[in-house]
Amino acid sequence: MERTKVVAYADDMFIATKGDKIRAVENHAKVEMSKTNECSRRNKIKFNDEKHKAILVTRRKRMEDIDITIYLHFKPLEQVTQMKYLGIIFDQKFKFQEHIRYAA
């Protein structure tokens, strides 16, 4: 099962991980971010730390804690409930209501 999808366009990158449990997704995302960190270090690429965000997308009502902690350059990423990528506003439930308001 493929757990990670990386979408890159110009200088924007989106890394998505999936799983059955929030903690499993969080751990897998940490592994992927460490790979990204290492690749950027090897290729002398500097990421803008302020532009990086983490969002947990789920349609399920879960009883477990929904706070995740993912690091880039040993700094935790801000967890948000919505984010904009390539002009599309994604929310944590994939309902796109905010994007529709923005586009209208």
PDB file of N, CA and C in Angstrom:
ATOM      1  N   MET A   1       0.847  -1.180   0.000  1.00  0.00           N
ATOM      2  CA  MET A   1       0.000   0.000   0.000  1.00  0.00           C
ATOM      3  C   MET A   1       0.891   1.241   0.000  1.00  0.00           C
ATOM      4  N   GLU A   2       0.664   2.105  -0.939  1.00  0.00           N
ATOM      5  CA  GLU A   2       1.407   3.359  -0.992  1.00  0.00           C
ATOM      6  C   GLU A   2       0.802   4.324   0.015  1.00  0.00           C
ATOM      7  N   ARG A   3       1.632   4.803   0.947  1.00  0.00           N
ATOM      8  CA  ARG A   3       1.147   5.672   2.018  1.00  0.00           C
ATOM      9  C   ARG A   3       1.410   7.148   1.745  1.00  0.00           C
ATOM     10  N   THR A   4       2.329   7.450   0.845  1.00  0.00           N
ATOM     11  CA  THR A   4       2.731   8.842   0.650  1.00  0.00           C
ATOM     12  C   THR A   4       2.606   9.239  -0.808  1.00  0.00           C
ATOM     13  N   LYS A   5       2.136  10.465  -0.995  1.00  0.00           N
ATOM     14  CA  LYS A   5       2.058  11.052  -2.331  1.00  0.00           C
ATOM     15  C   LYS A   5       2.681  12.433  -2.248  1.00  0.00           C
ATOM     16  N   VAL A   6       3.597  12.711  -3.140  1.00  0.00           N
ATOM     17  CA  VAL A   6       4.248  14.016  -3.195  1.00  0.00           C
ATOM     18  C   VAL A   6       3.822  14.702  -4.486  1.00  0.00           C
ATOM     19  N   VAL A   7       3.312  15.913  -4.349  1.00  0.00           N
ATOM     20  CA  VAL A   7       2.913  16.712  -5.502  1.00  0.00           C
ATOM     21  C   VAL A   7       3.763  17.977  -5.466  1.00  0.00           C
ATOM     22  N   ALA A   8       4.487  18.220  -6.540  1.00  0.00           N
ATOM     23  CA  ALA A   8       5.332  19.410  -6.602  1.00  0.00           C
ATOM     24  C   ALA A   8       5.048  20.164  -7.894  1.00  0.00           C
ATOM     25  N   TYR A   9       4.977  21.469  -7.761  1.00  0.00           N
ATOM     26  CA  TYR A   9       4.788  22.337  -8.914  1.00  0.00           C
ATOM     27  C   TYR A   9       5.600  23.600  -8.662  1.00  0.00           C
ATOM     28  N   ALA A  10       6.541  23.878  -9.546  1.00  0.00           N
ATOM     29  CA  ALA A  10       7.446  25.026  -9.401  1.00  0.00           C
ATOM     30  C   ALA A  10       8.109  24.971  -8.025  1.00  0.00           C
ATOM     31  N   ASP A  11       7.878  25.969  -7.186  1.00  0.00           N
ATOM     32  CA  ASP A  11       8.529  25.976  -5.874  1.00  0.00           C
ATOM     33  C   ASP A  11       7.567  25.581  -4.743  1.00  0.00           C
ATOM     34  N   ASP A  12       6.449  24.964  -5.091  1.00  0.00           N
ATOM     35  CA  ASP A  12       5.478  24.506  -4.096  1.00  0.00           C
ATOM     36  C   ASP A  12       5.489  22.981  -4.032  1.00  0.00           C
ATOM     37  N   MET A  13       5.398  22.456  -2.812  1.00  0.00           N
ATOM     38  CA  MET A  13       5.378  21.014  -2.630  1.00  0.00           C
ATOM     39  C   MET A  13       4.318  20.649  -1.592  1.00  0.00           C
ATOM     40  N   PHE A  14       3.625  19.556  -1.854  1.00  0.00           N
ATOM     41  CA  PHE A  14       2.575  19.062  -0.981  1.00  0.00           C
ATOM     42  C   PHE A  14       2.874  17.589  -0.723  1.00  0.00           C
ATOM     43  N   ILE A  15       3.006  17.208   0.543  1.00  0.00           N
ATOM     44  CA  ILE A  15       3.259  15.821   0.899  1.00  0.00           C
ATOM     45  C   ILE A  15       2.044  15.313   1.647  1.00  0.00           C
ATOM     46  N   ALA A  16       1.422  14.254   1.143  1.00  0.00           N
ATOM     47  CA  ALA A  16       0.241  13.674   1.784  1.00  0.00           C
ATOM     48  C   ALA A  16       0.574  12.257   2.229  1.00  0.00           C
ATOM     49  N   THR A  17       0.219  11.945   3.464  1.00  0.00           N
ATOM     50  CA  THR A  17       0.363  10.580   3.964  1.00  0.00           C
ATOM     51  C   THR A  17      -1.003  10.098   4.431  1.00  0.00           C
ATOM     52  N   LYS A  18      -1.218   8.798   4.369  1.00  0.00           N
ATOM     53  CA  LYS A  18      -2.501   8.263   4.790  1.00  0.00           C
ATOM     54  C   LYS A  18      -2.300   7.041   5.668  1.00  0.00           C
ATOM     55  N   GLY A  19      -3.327   6.760   6.460  1.00  0.00           N
ATOM     56  CA  GLY A  19      -3.279   5.605   7.336  1.00  0.00           C
ATOM     57  C   GLY A  19      -4.573   5.449   8.102  1.00  0.00           C
ATOM     58  N   ASP A  20      -4.663   4.354   8.861  1.00  0.00           N
ATOM     59  CA  ASP A  20      -5.874   4.052   9.621  1.00  0.00           C
ATOM     60  C   ASP A  20      -5.936   4.795  10.949  1.00  0.00           C
ATOM     61  N   LYS A  21      -4.812   5.045  11.553  1.00  0.00           N
ATOM     62  CA  LYS A  21      -4.751   5.704  12.860  1.00  0.00           C
ATOM     63  C   LYS A  21      -3.974   7.006  12.743  1.00  0.00           C
ATOM     64  N   ILE A  22      -4.380   8.001  13.524  1.00  0.00           N
ATOM     65  CA  ILE A  22      -3.728   9.314  13.473  1.00  0.00           C
ATOM     66  C   ILE A  22      -2.249   9.211  13.836  1.00  0.00           C
ATOM     67  N   ARG A  23      -1.931   8.464  14.881  1.00  0.00           N
ATOM     68  CA  ARG A  23      -0.522   8.349  15.309  1.00  0.00           C
ATOM     69  C   ARG A  23       0.332   7.667  14.245  1.00  0.00           C
ATOM     70  N   ALA A  24      -0.220   6.704  13.532  1.00  0.00           N
ATOM     71  CA  ALA A  24       0.521   6.042  12.457  1.00  0.00           C
ATOM     72  C   ALA A  24       0.811   7.029  11.328  1.00  0.00           C
ATOM     73  N   VAL A  25      -0.179   7.849  10.987  1.00  0.00           N
ATOM     74  CA  VAL A  25       0.008   8.868   9.941  1.00  0.00           C
ATOM     75  C   VAL A  25       1.048   9.888  10.393  1.00  0.00           C
ATOM     76  N   GLU A  26       0.955  10.310  11.653  1.00  0.00           N
ATOM     77  CA  GLU A  26       1.913  11.270  12.188  1.00  0.00           C
ATOM     78  C   GLU A  26       3.341  10.716  12.118  1.00  0.00           C
ATOM     79  N   ASN A  27       3.525   9.468  12.529  1.00  0.00           N
ATOM     80  CA  ASN A  27       4.856   8.862  12.493  1.00  0.00           C
ATOM     81  C   ASN A  27       5.373   8.722  11.070  1.00  0.00           C
ATOM     82  N   HIS A  28       4.506   8.329  10.151  1.00  0.00           N
ATOM     83  CA  HIS A  28       4.924   8.203   8.752  1.00  0.00           C
ATOM     84  C   HIS A  28       5.270   9.571   8.161  1.00  0.00           C
ATOM     85  N   ALA A  29       4.502  10.589   8.520  1.00  0.00           N
ATOM     86  CA  ALA A  29       4.797  11.941   8.038  1.00  0.00           C
ATOM     87  C   ALA A  29       6.139  12.424   8.572  1.00  0.00           C
ATOM     88  N   LYS A  30       6.458  12.076   9.814  1.00  0.00           N
ATOM     89  CA  LYS A  30       7.758  12.452  10.379  1.00  0.00           C
ATOM     90  C   LYS A  30       8.902  11.807   9.603  1.00  0.00           C
ATOM     91  N   VAL A  31       8.723  10.554   9.220  1.00  0.00           N
ATOM     92  CA  VAL A  31       9.746   9.860   8.419  1.00  0.00           C
ATOM     93  C   VAL A  31       9.910  10.557   7.072  1.00  0.00           C
ATOM     94  N   GLU A  32       8.796  10.882   6.431  1.00  0.00           N
ATOM     95  CA  GLU A  32       8.861  11.545   5.120  1.00  0.00           C
ATOM     96  C   GLU A  32       9.488  12.930   5.225  1.00  0.00           C
ATOM     97  N   MET A  33       9.175  13.662   6.279  1.00  0.00           N
ATOM     98  CA  MET A  33       9.773  14.989   6.463  1.00  0.00           C
ATOM     99  C   MET A  33      11.268  14.882   6.720  1.00  0.00           C
ATOM    100  N   SER A  34      11.708  13.843   7.421  1.00  0.00           N
ATOM    101  CA  SER A  34      13.150  13.689   7.641  1.00  0.00           C
ATOM    102  C   SER A  34      13.853  13.365   6.327  1.00  0.00           C
ATOM    103  N   LYS A  35      13.194  12.598   5.449  1.00  0.00           N
ATOM    104  CA  LYS A  35      13.756  12.340   4.115  1.00  0.00           C
ATOM    105  C   LYS A  35      13.851  13.642   3.317  1.00  0.00           C
ATOM    106  N   THR A  36      12.792  14.457   3.400  1.00  0.00           N
ATOM    107  CA  THR A  36      12.782  15.746   2.708  1.00  0.00           C
ATOM    108  C   THR A  36      13.880  16.658   3.243  1.00  0.00           C
ATOM    109  N   ASN A  37      14.033  16.662   4.561  1.00  0.00           N
ATOM    110  CA  ASN A  37      15.093  17.444   5.203  1.00  0.00           C
ATOM    111  C   ASN A  37      16.468  17.036   4.691  1.00  0.00           C
ATOM    112  N   GLU A  38      16.711  15.740   4.661  1.00  0.00           N
ATOM    113  CA  GLU A  38      18.012  15.223   4.222  1.00  0.00           C
ATOM    114  C   GLU A  38      18.264  15.546   2.750  1.00  0.00           C
ATOM    115  N   CYS A  39      17.249  15.379   1.920  1.00  0.00           N
ATOM    116  CA  CYS A  39      17.387  15.684   0.491  1.00  0.00           C
ATOM    117  C   CYS A  39      17.680  17.169   0.278  1.00  0.00           C
ATOM    118  N   SER A  40      16.986  18.036   1.006  1.00  0.00           N
ATOM    119  CA  SER A  40      17.222  19.476   0.858  1.00  0.00           C
ATOM    120  C   SER A  40      18.619  19.863   1.343  1.00  0.00           C
ATOM    121  N   ARG A  41      19.067  19.210   2.398  1.00  0.00           N
ATOM    122  CA  ARG A  41      20.414  19.495   2.909  1.00  0.00           C
ATOM    123  C   ARG A  41      21.474  19.079   1.889  1.00  0.00           C
ATOM    124  N   ARG A  42      21.306  17.880   1.322  1.00  0.00           N
ATOM    125  CA  ARG A  42      22.266  17.380   0.323  1.00  0.00           C
ATOM    126  C   ARG A  42      22.314  18.273  -0.912  1.00  0.00           C
ATOM    127  N   ASN A  43      21.170  18.798  -1.310  1.00  0.00           N
ATOM    128  CA  ASN A  43      21.083  19.605  -2.534  1.00  0.00           C
ATOM    129  C   ASN A  43      21.138  21.103  -2.281  1.00  0.00           C
ATOM    130  N   LYS A  44      21.444  21.476  -1.030  1.00  0.00           N
ATOM    131  CA  LYS A  44      21.584  22.886  -0.640  1.00  0.00           C
ATOM    132  C   LYS A  44      20.343  23.705  -0.979  1.00  0.00           C
ATOM    133  N   ILE A  45      19.181  23.127  -0.647  1.00  0.00           N
ATOM    134  CA  ILE A  45      17.908  23.808  -0.834  1.00  0.00           C
ATOM    135  C   ILE A  45      17.426  24.267   0.529  1.00  0.00           C
ATOM    136  N   LYS A  46      17.015  25.526   0.635  1.00  0.00           N
ATOM    137  CA  LYS A  46      16.542  26.087   1.898  1.00  0.00           C
ATOM    138  C   LYS A  46      15.042  26.308   1.796  1.00  0.00           C
ATOM    139  N   PHE A  47      14.301  25.732   2.733  1.00  0.00           N
ATOM    140  CA  PHE A  47      12.856  25.922   2.783  1.00  0.00           C
ATOM    141  C   PHE A  47      12.527  27.126   3.658  1.00  0.00           C
ATOM    142  N   ASN A  48      11.465  27.828   3.304  1.00  0.00           N
ATOM    143  CA  ASN A  48      10.966  28.923   4.116  1.00  0.00           C
ATOM    144  C   ASN A  48      10.120  28.324   5.237  1.00  0.00           C
ATOM    145  N   ASP A  49      10.640  28.334   6.453  1.00  0.00           N
ATOM    146  CA  ASP A  49       9.970  27.685   7.579  1.00  0.00           C
ATOM    147  C   ASP A  49       8.592  28.258   7.868  1.00  0.00           C
ATOM    148  N   GLU A  50       8.360  29.540   7.589  1.00  0.00           N
ATOM    149  CA  GLU A  50       7.066  30.153   7.875  1.00  0.00           C
ATOM    150  C   GLU A  50       5.945  29.671   6.947  1.00  0.00           C
ATOM    151  N   LYS A  51       6.291  29.180   5.769  1.00  0.00           N
ATOM    152  CA  LYS A  51       5.280  28.778   4.804  1.00  0.00           C
ATOM    153  C   LYS A  51       4.807  27.339   4.993  1.00  0.00           C
ATOM    154  N   HIS A  52       5.500  26.569   5.798  1.00  0.00           N
ATOM    155  CA  HIS A  52       5.146  25.162   5.982  1.00  0.00           C
ATOM    156  C   HIS A  52       4.077  24.999   7.045  1.00  0.00           C
ATOM    157  N   LYS A  53       3.082  24.200   6.723  1.00  0.00           N
ATOM    158  CA  LYS A  53       1.967  23.944   7.631  1.00  0.00           C
ATOM    159  C   LYS A  53       1.644  22.456   7.608  1.00  0.00           C
ATOM    160  N   ALA A  54       0.965  22.007   8.643  1.00  0.00           N
ATOM    161  CA  ALA A  54       0.472  20.633   8.708  1.00  0.00           C
ATOM    162  C   ALA A  54      -1.039  20.692   8.879  1.00  0.00           C
ATOM    163  N   ILE A  55      -1.732  19.808   8.174  1.00  0.00           N
ATOM    164  CA  ILE A  55      -3.183  19.730   8.305  1.00  0.00           C
ATOM    165  C   ILE A  55      -3.560  18.252   8.379  1.00  0.00           C
ATOM    166  N   LEU A  56      -4.411  17.928   9.307  1.00  0.00           N
ATOM    167  CA  LEU A  56      -4.927  16.567   9.445  1.00  0.00           C
ATOM    168  C   LEU A  56      -6.295  16.538   8.790  1.00  0.00           C
ATOM    169  N   VAL A  57      -6.420  15.758   7.724  1.00  0.00           N
ATOM    170  CA  VAL A  57      -7.671  15.681   6.982  1.00  0.00           C
ATOM    171  C   VAL A  57      -8.355  14.360   7.312  1.00  0.00           C
ATOM    172  N   THR A  58      -9.564  14.443   7.807  1.00  0.00           N
ATOM    173  CA  THR A  58     -10.351  13.250   8.107  1.00  0.00           C
ATOM    174  C   THR A  58     -11.827  13.598   8.070  1.00  0.00           C
ATOM    175  N   ARG A  59     -12.624  12.660   7.636  1.00  0.00           N
ATOM    176  CA  ARG A  59     -14.078  12.844   7.663  1.00  0.00           C
ATOM    177  C   ARG A  59     -14.698  12.095   8.827  1.00  0.00           C
ATOM    178  N   ARG A  60     -13.897  11.294   9.497  1.00  0.00           N
ATOM    179  CA  ARG A  60     -14.398  10.515  10.630  1.00  0.00           C
ATOM    180  C   ARG A  60     -14.445  11.355  11.888  1.00  0.00           C
ATOM    181  N   LYS A  61     -15.384  11.007  12.734  1.00  0.00           N
ATOM    182  CA  LYS A  61     -15.424  11.600  14.070  1.00  0.00           C
ATOM    183  C   LYS A  61     -14.629  10.667  14.959  1.00  0.00           C
ATOM    184  N   ARG A  62     -13.457  11.104  15.361  1.00  0.00           N
ATOM    185  CA  ARG A  62     -12.573  10.251  16.154  1.00  0.00           C
ATOM    186  C   ARG A  62     -12.577  10.683  17.604  1.00  0.00           C
ATOM    187  N   MET A  63     -12.395   9.721  18.467  1.00  0.00           N
ATOM    188  CA  MET A  63     -12.334  10.006  19.888  1.00  0.00           C
ATOM    189  C   MET A  63     -10.910  10.350  20.323  1.00  0.00           C
ATOM    190  N   GLU A  64      -9.921   9.987  19.511  1.00  0.00           N
ATOM    191  CA  GLU A  64      -8.534  10.225  19.896  1.00  0.00           C
ATOM    192  C   GLU A  64      -8.119  11.674  19.658  1.00  0.00           C
ATOM    193  N   ASP A  65      -7.011  12.043  20.225  1.00  0.00           N
ATOM    194  CA  ASP A  65      -6.461  13.389  20.096  1.00  0.00           C
ATOM    195  C   ASP A  65      -6.150  13.671  18.630  1.00  0.00           C
ATOM    196  N   ILE A  66      -6.506  14.856  18.149  1.00  0.00           N
ATOM    197  CA  ILE A  66      -6.263  15.178  16.738  1.00  0.00           C
ATOM    198  C   ILE A  66      -5.122  16.169  16.559  1.00  0.00           C
ATOM    199  N   ASP A  67      -4.370  16.426  17.616  1.00  0.00           N
ATOM    200  CA  ASP A  67      -3.187  17.273  17.477  1.00  0.00           C
ATOM    201  C   ASP A  67      -2.027  16.418  17.011  1.00  0.00           C
ATOM    202  N   ILE A  68      -1.358  16.874  15.962  1.00  0.00           N
ATOM    203  CA  ILE A  68      -0.197  16.158  15.448  1.00  0.00           C
ATOM    204  C   ILE A  68       1.011  17.080  15.535  1.00  0.00           C
ATOM    205  N   THR A  69       2.182  16.479  15.641  1.00  0.00           N
ATOM    206  CA  THR A  69       3.416  17.254  15.692  1.00  0.00           C
ATOM    207  C   THR A  69       4.365  16.700  14.650  1.00  0.00           C
ATOM    208  N   ILE A  70       4.667  17.518  13.654  1.00  0.00           N
ATOM    209  CA  ILE A  70       5.593  17.149  12.587  1.00  0.00           C
ATOM    210  C   ILE A  70       6.648  18.239  12.531  1.00  0.00           C
ATOM    211  N   TYR A  71       7.895  17.845  12.321  1.00  0.00           N
ATOM    212  CA  TYR A  71       9.005  18.789  12.382  1.00  0.00           C
ATOM    213  C   TYR A  71       9.656  18.987  11.020  1.00  0.00           C
ATOM    214  N   LEU A  72      10.119  20.199  10.795  1.00  0.00           N
ATOM    215  CA  LEU A  72      10.972  20.544   9.664  1.00  0.00           C
ATOM    216  C   LEU A  72      12.105  21.378  10.225  1.00  0.00           C
ATOM    217  N   HIS A  73      13.323  20.956   9.985  1.00  0.00           N
ATOM    218  CA  HIS A  73      14.514  21.602  10.541  1.00  0.00           C
ATOM    219  C   HIS A  73      14.428  21.683  12.065  1.00  0.00           C
ATOM    220  N   PHE A  74      13.953  20.614  12.672  1.00  0.00           N
ATOM    221  CA  PHE A  74      13.853  20.491  14.131  1.00  0.00           C
ATOM    222  C   PHE A  74      12.893  21.503  14.759  1.00  0.00           C
ATOM    223  N   LYS A  75      12.013  22.082  13.951  1.00  0.00           N
ATOM    224  CA  LYS A  75      10.990  23.004  14.447  1.00  0.00           C
ATOM    225  C   LYS A  75       9.624  22.411  14.123  1.00  0.00           C
ATOM    226  N   PRO A  76       8.686  22.468  15.080  1.00  0.00           N
ATOM    227  CA  PRO A  76       7.354  21.911  14.793  1.00  0.00           C
ATOM    228  C   PRO A  76       6.603  22.769  13.775  1.00  0.00           C
ATOM    229  N   LEU A  77       5.905  22.093  12.870  1.00  0.00           N
ATOM    230  CA  LEU A  77       5.075  22.797  11.897  1.00  0.00           C
ATOM    231  C   LEU A  77       3.774  23.219  12.564  1.00  0.00           C
ATOM    232  N   GLU A  78       3.267  24.363  12.173  1.00  0.00           N
ATOM    233  CA  GLU A  78       1.979  24.832  12.689  1.00  0.00           C
ATOM    234  C   GLU A  78       0.873  23.945  12.121  1.00  0.00           C
ATOM    235  N   GLN A  79      -0.004  23.456  12.988  1.00  0.00           N
ATOM    236  CA  GLN A  79      -1.144  22.667  12.535  1.00  0.00           C
ATOM    237  C   GLN A  79      -2.307  23.619  12.288  1.00  0.00           C
ATOM    238  N   VAL A  80      -2.895  23.530  11.108  1.00  0.00           N
ATOM    239  CA  VAL A  80      -3.980  24.425  10.720  1.00  0.00           C
ATOM    240  C   VAL A  80      -5.226  23.612  10.370  1.00  0.00           C
ATOM    241  N   THR A  81      -6.368  24.295  10.296  1.00  0.00           N
ATOM    242  CA  THR A  81      -7.608  23.621   9.919  1.00  0.00           C
ATOM    243  C   THR A  81      -7.932  23.816   8.445  1.00  0.00           C
ATOM    244  N   GLN A  82      -7.242  24.758   7.799  1.00  0.00           N
ATOM    245  CA  GLN A  82      -7.362  24.930   6.348  1.00  0.00           C
ATOM    246  C   GLN A  82      -6.074  25.504   5.812  1.00  0.00           C
ATOM    247  N   MET A  83      -5.804  25.220   4.536  1.00  0.00           N
ATOM    248  CA  MET A  83      -4.591  25.752   3.905  1.00  0.00           C
ATOM    249  C   MET A  83      -4.832  25.919   2.409  1.00  0.00           C
ATOM    250  N   LYS A  84      -4.059  26.803   1.826  1.00  0.00           N
ATOM    251  CA  LYS A  84      -4.175  27.090   0.398  1.00  0.00           C
ATOM    252  C   LYS A  84      -2.971  26.491  -0.310  1.00  0.00           C
ATOM    253  N   TYR A  85      -3.222  25.730  -1.367  1.00  0.00           N
ATOM    254  CA  TYR A  85      -2.159  25.151  -2.185  1.00  0.00           C
ATOM    255  C   TYR A  85      -2.549  25.310  -3.641  1.00  0.00           C
ATOM    256  N   LEU A  86      -1.701  25.999  -4.399  1.00  0.00           N
ATOM    257  CA  LEU A  86      -1.928  26.264  -5.823  1.00  0.00           C
ATOM    258  C   LEU A  86      -3.317  26.857  -6.080  1.00  0.00           C
ATOM    259  N   GLY A  87      -3.731  27.754  -5.196  1.00  0.00           N
ATOM    260  CA  GLY A  87      -4.979  28.465  -5.380  1.00  0.00           C
ATOM    261  C   GLY A  87      -6.213  27.744  -4.880  1.00  0.00           C
ATOM    262  N   ILE A  88      -6.050  26.545  -4.348  1.00  0.00           N
ATOM    263  CA  ILE A  88      -7.185  25.783  -3.830  1.00  0.00           C
ATOM    264  C   ILE A  88      -7.105  25.779  -2.307  1.00  0.00           C
ATOM    265  N   ILE A  89      -8.214  26.101  -1.652  1.00  0.00           N
ATOM    266  CA  ILE A  89      -8.252  26.094  -0.195  1.00  0.00           C
ATOM    267  C   ILE A  89      -8.779  24.736   0.262  1.00  0.00           C
ATOM    268  N   PHE A  90      -7.927  23.993   0.965  1.00  0.00           N
ATOM    269  CA  PHE A  90      -8.291  22.694   1.517  1.00  0.00           C
ATOM    270  C   PHE A  90      -8.661  22.877   2.982  1.00  0.00           C
ATOM    271  N   ASP A  91      -9.712  22.188   3.428  1.00  0.00           N
ATOM    272  CA  ASP A  91     -10.039  22.208   4.851  1.00  0.00           C
ATOM    273  C   ASP A  91      -9.886  20.796   5.405  1.00  0.00           C
ATOM    274  N   GLN A  92      -9.992  20.667   6.718  1.00  0.00           N
ATOM    275  CA  GLN A  92      -9.705  19.388   7.351  1.00  0.00           C
ATOM    276  C   GLN A  92     -10.775  18.323   7.128  1.00  0.00           C
ATOM    277  N   LYS A  93     -11.871  18.679   6.509  1.00  0.00           N
ATOM    278  CA  LYS A  93     -12.917  17.702   6.186  1.00  0.00           C
ATOM    279  C   LYS A  93     -13.084  17.504   4.680  1.00  0.00           C
ATOM    280  N   PHE A  94     -12.288  18.197   3.867  1.00  0.00           N
ATOM    281  CA  PHE A  94     -12.373  18.162   2.402  1.00  0.00           C
ATOM    282  C   PHE A  94     -13.772  18.527   1.913  1.00  0.00           C
ATOM    283  N   LYS A  95     -14.356  19.562   2.506  1.00  0.00           N
ATOM    284  CA  LYS A  95     -15.687  20.003   2.093  1.00  0.00           C
ATOM    285  C   LYS A  95     -15.618  21.145   1.083  1.00  0.00           C
ATOM    286  N   PHE A  96     -14.515  21.859   1.008  1.00  0.00           N
ATOM    287  CA  PHE A  96     -14.265  22.922   0.029  1.00  0.00           C
ATOM    288  C   PHE A  96     -15.218  24.106   0.132  1.00  0.00           C
ATOM    289  N   GLN A  97     -15.953  24.254   1.234  1.00  0.00           N
ATOM    290  CA  GLN A  97     -16.871  25.375   1.368  1.00  0.00           C
ATOM    291  C   GLN A  97     -16.132  26.706   1.378  1.00  0.00           C
ATOM    292  N   GLU A  98     -15.013  26.774   2.063  1.00  0.00           N
ATOM    293  CA  GLU A  98     -14.230  28.024   2.106  1.00  0.00           C
ATOM    294  C   GLU A  98     -13.671  28.342   0.715  1.00  0.00           C
ATOM    295  N   HIS A  99     -13.254  27.327  -0.028  1.00  0.00           N
ATOM    296  CA  HIS A  99     -12.736  27.568  -1.387  1.00  0.00           C
ATOM    297  C   HIS A  99     -13.844  28.087  -2.286  1.00  0.00           C
ATOM    298  N   ILE A 100     -15.052  27.541  -2.155  1.00  0.00           N
ATOM    299  CA  ILE A 100     -16.171  27.993  -2.976  1.00  0.00           C
ATOM    300  C   ILE A 100     -16.489  29.446  -2.671  1.00  0.00           C
ATOM    301  N   ARG A 101     -16.490  29.815  -1.367  1.00  0.00           N
ATOM    302  CA  ARG A 101     -16.709  31.220  -0.998  1.00  0.00           C
ATOM    303  C   ARG A 101     -15.628  32.101  -1.572  1.00  0.00           C
ATOM    304  N   TYR A 102     -14.386  31.648  -1.508  1.00  0.00           N
ATOM    305  CA  TYR A 102     -13.245  32.419  -2.019  1.00  0.00           C
ATOM    306  C   TYR A 102     -13.354  32.591  -3.540  1.00  0.00           C
ATOM    307  N   ALA A 103     -13.699  31.528  -4.258  1.00  0.00           N
ATOM    308  CA  ALA A 103     -13.779  31.578  -5.719  1.00  0.00           C
ATOM    309  C   ALA A 103     -14.974  32.388  -6.199  1.00  0.00           C
ATOM    310  N   ALA A 104     -16.052  32.373  -5.421  1.00  0.00           N
ATOM    311  CA  ALA A 104     -17.261  33.098  -5.825  1.00  0.00           C
ATOM    312  C   ALA A 104     -17.042  34.568  -5.589  1.00  0.00           C
TER     313      ALA A 104
END
